[in-house]
Amino acid sequence: MFGKEPENQSVNTGQTSIIAQGCKFDGKVEVRGVLRVEGEFKGSIGTPESLVIGKTGVVHATVTVKNAIIGGQLFGNITAENKIELQSGSHVEGDIKTKRLVIDEGVFFEGNCSMGSGTRKSPAPGSASASASAPASAPAHSMDSKDLGKK
């Protein structure tokens, strides 16, 4: 009755996995739900719902996620299906690919940024613009840290 856990527990996709401050981990991480890094991680991170790198977190990795919030340090390329948020005081060195990017004031970012859905709309076959010579894909939007201070 009391204190007894149900025998048929399913995995909750709303779970949070944590690499705590003071913890160091090398390898490959694949989790369901949210992965929060407050310690140090080296390797690759794949497909969590969200990645949160806290203020004390240091990540040296190739990252593929749905969403990311970066408050600490990230060294490596990151691809997010939906959105990446770089919080004030964060430090990112690597390329970013996402649909939506939010950059707070006071962020250090060095790398290239590619935004969009990854698919390019093309004119209908047979239209005048379709027969014109056009590049196969649009150039990526690029920005470096010196562009962040300009308005």
Protein backbone atom coordinates (compact mmCIF):
# COMPACT_ATOMS: atom_id res chain seq x y z
CA MET A 1 0.00 0.00 0.00
CA PHE A 2 2.28 2.84 1.20
CA GLY A 3 5.92 2.89 0.10
CA LYS A 4 5.34 0.31 -2.61
CA GLU A 5 6.19 1.39 -6.15
CA PRO A 6 4.02 0.32 -9.08
CA GLU A 7 5.49 -2.60 -10.98
CA ASN A 8 4.56 -1.37 -14.46
CA GLN A 9 6.34 1.97 -14.67
CA SER A 10 6.87 3.34 -18.16
CA VAL A 11 9.68 5.67 -19.14
CA ASN A 12 8.55 9.26 -18.71
CA THR A 13 9.69 11.37 -21.67
CA GLY A 14 9.59 14.41 -19.38
CA GLN A 15 12.58 13.16 -17.39
CA THR A 16 15.69 15.23 -16.76
CA SER A 17 19.12 13.60 -16.81
CA ILE A 18 21.85 15.60 -15.06
CA ILE A 19 25.62 15.71 -15.27
CA ALA A 20 26.14 17.61 -12.04
CA GLN A 21 28.74 20.24 -11.16
CA GLY A 22 32.02 18.51 -10.25
CA CYS A 23 31.17 15.51 -12.45
CA LYS A 24 33.31 14.76 -15.54
CA PHE A 25 32.02 12.46 -18.27
CA ASP A 26 33.57 11.32 -21.57
CA GLY A 27 31.60 9.41 -24.18
CA LYS A 28 28.35 9.37 -26.09
CA VAL A 29 25.05 10.34 -24.49
CA GLU A 30 21.62 9.53 -25.88
CA VAL A 31 18.72 10.28 -23.55
CA ARG A 32 14.99 10.87 -23.60
CA GLY A 33 13.69 14.11 -22.21
CA VAL A 34 16.06 16.83 -21.04
CA LEU A 35 19.82 16.57 -20.55
CA ARG A 36 21.21 19.18 -18.16
CA VAL A 37 24.99 19.65 -17.95
CA GLU A 38 26.41 21.53 -14.96
CA GLY A 39 29.72 19.63 -14.96
CA GLU A 40 32.11 18.72 -17.78
CA PHE A 41 31.28 16.55 -20.77
CA LYS A 42 33.37 15.43 -23.78
CA GLY A 43 32.07 13.37 -26.68
CA SER A 44 28.74 13.49 -28.52
CA ILE A 45 25.19 14.24 -27.46
CA GLY A 46 22.33 12.92 -29.52
CA THR A 47 18.61 13.56 -29.73
CA PRO A 48 17.47 14.64 -26.29
CA GLU A 49 14.30 16.70 -26.34
CA SER A 50 16.30 19.58 -24.89
CA LEU A 51 19.88 20.23 -23.88
CA VAL A 52 20.55 22.71 -21.09
CA ILE A 53 24.14 23.73 -20.40
CA GLY A 54 24.11 25.53 -17.07
CA LYS A 55 26.40 28.42 -16.09
CA THR A 56 28.99 25.98 -14.69
CA GLY A 57 28.68 23.50 -17.59
CA VAL A 58 31.53 22.91 -20.06
CA VAL A 59 30.77 20.77 -23.11
CA HIS A 60 33.27 19.66 -25.77
CA ALA A 61 30.97 17.79 -28.14
CA THR A 62 29.12 17.39 -31.37
CA VAL A 63 25.49 18.04 -30.43
CA THR A 64 22.26 17.06 -32.20
CA VAL A 65 19.08 18.03 -30.32
CA LYS A 66 15.59 19.46 -30.75
CA ASN A 67 16.17 22.52 -28.53
CA ALA A 68 19.15 23.92 -26.63
CA ILE A 69 19.65 26.51 -23.92
CA ILE A 70 23.30 27.38 -23.40
CA GLY A 71 24.35 29.31 -20.33
CA GLY A 72 27.84 27.87 -19.94
CA GLN A 73 30.52 26.86 -22.46
CA LEU A 74 30.14 24.83 -25.65
CA PHE A 75 33.08 23.85 -27.86
CA GLY A 76 31.84 22.01 -30.94
CA ASN A 77 29.15 22.08 -33.57
CA ILE A 78 25.49 22.09 -32.59
CA THR A 79 22.43 21.27 -34.67
CA ALA A 80 19.01 21.93 -33.17
CA GLU A 81 15.82 20.97 -34.96
CA ASN A 82 13.84 23.88 -33.47
CA LYS A 83 15.65 26.51 -31.37
CA ILE A 84 18.93 27.46 -29.73
CA GLU A 85 19.13 30.08 -27.00
CA LEU A 86 22.51 31.56 -26.03
CA GLN A 87 22.16 33.13 -22.60
CA SER A 88 24.15 36.11 -21.33
CA GLY A 89 27.65 35.07 -20.29
CA SER A 90 27.70 31.92 -22.44
CA HIS A 91 30.70 31.01 -24.59
CA VAL A 92 30.23 29.10 -27.86
CA GLU A 93 32.97 28.09 -30.28
CA GLY A 94 31.62 26.08 -33.19
CA ASP A 95 29.05 26.09 -35.93
CA ILE A 96 25.35 26.46 -35.21
CA LYS A 97 22.52 25.10 -37.36
CA THR A 98 18.92 25.73 -36.29
CA LYS A 99 15.56 27.18 -37.36
CA ARG A 100 15.45 29.79 -34.58
CA LEU A 101 18.31 31.45 -32.69
CA VAL A 102 18.09 33.72 -29.65
CA ILE A 103 21.27 35.52 -28.55
CA ASP A 104 21.29 37.55 -25.34
CA GLU A 105 23.64 40.47 -24.77
CA GLY A 106 27.05 39.46 -23.42
CA VAL A 107 27.42 36.22 -25.39
CA PHE A 108 30.75 35.13 -26.92
CA PHE A 109 30.14 33.28 -30.19
CA GLU A 110 32.78 32.29 -32.73
CA GLY A 111 31.68 30.18 -35.66
CA ASN A 112 29.18 30.04 -38.47
CA CYS A 113 25.42 30.11 -38.17
CA SER A 114 22.99 28.51 -40.60
CA MET A 115 19.31 29.21 -40.02
CA GLY A 116 16.18 28.00 -41.74
CA SER A 117 14.25 24.84 -42.34
CA GLY A 118 16.94 23.34 -44.55
CA THR A 119 14.60 23.18 -47.53
CA ARG A 120 14.60 25.81 -50.23
CA LYS A 121 11.43 26.78 -52.02
CA SER A 122 11.87 26.48 -55.76
CA PRO A 123 9.71 27.95 -58.53
CA ALA A 124 7.19 25.76 -60.30
CA PRO A 125 8.59 23.81 -63.28
CA GLY A 126 8.09 25.63 -66.55
CA SER A 127 7.93 29.11 -65.04
CA ALA A 128 10.23 31.80 -66.40
CA SER A 129 12.22 31.99 -63.18
CA ALA A 130 12.65 28.20 -63.07
CA SER A 131 14.53 28.23 -66.35
CA ALA A 132 16.85 30.99 -65.17
CA SER A 133 20.22 29.95 -63.85
CA ALA A 134 19.96 29.86 -60.04
CA PRO A 135 22.17 28.33 -57.34
CA ALA A 136 21.03 24.98 -55.96
CA SER A 137 20.99 26.25 -52.40
CA ALA A 138 21.07 29.58 -50.64
CA PRO A 139 24.23 30.60 -48.83
CA ALA A 140 24.08 30.17 -45.07
CA HIS A 141 23.66 33.21 -42.90
CA SER A 142 27.04 33.75 -41.31
CA MET A 143 27.83 35.83 -38.29
CA ASP A 144 30.80 36.07 -36.01
CA SER A 145 31.33 37.64 -32.60
CA LYS A 146 32.32 41.02 -33.99
CA ASP A 147 28.89 41.27 -35.70
CA LEU A 148 27.00 40.78 -32.42
CA GLY A 149 27.68 44.30 -31.16
CA LYS A 150 26.40 46.00 -34.34
CA LYS A 151 22.82 47.21 -34.67
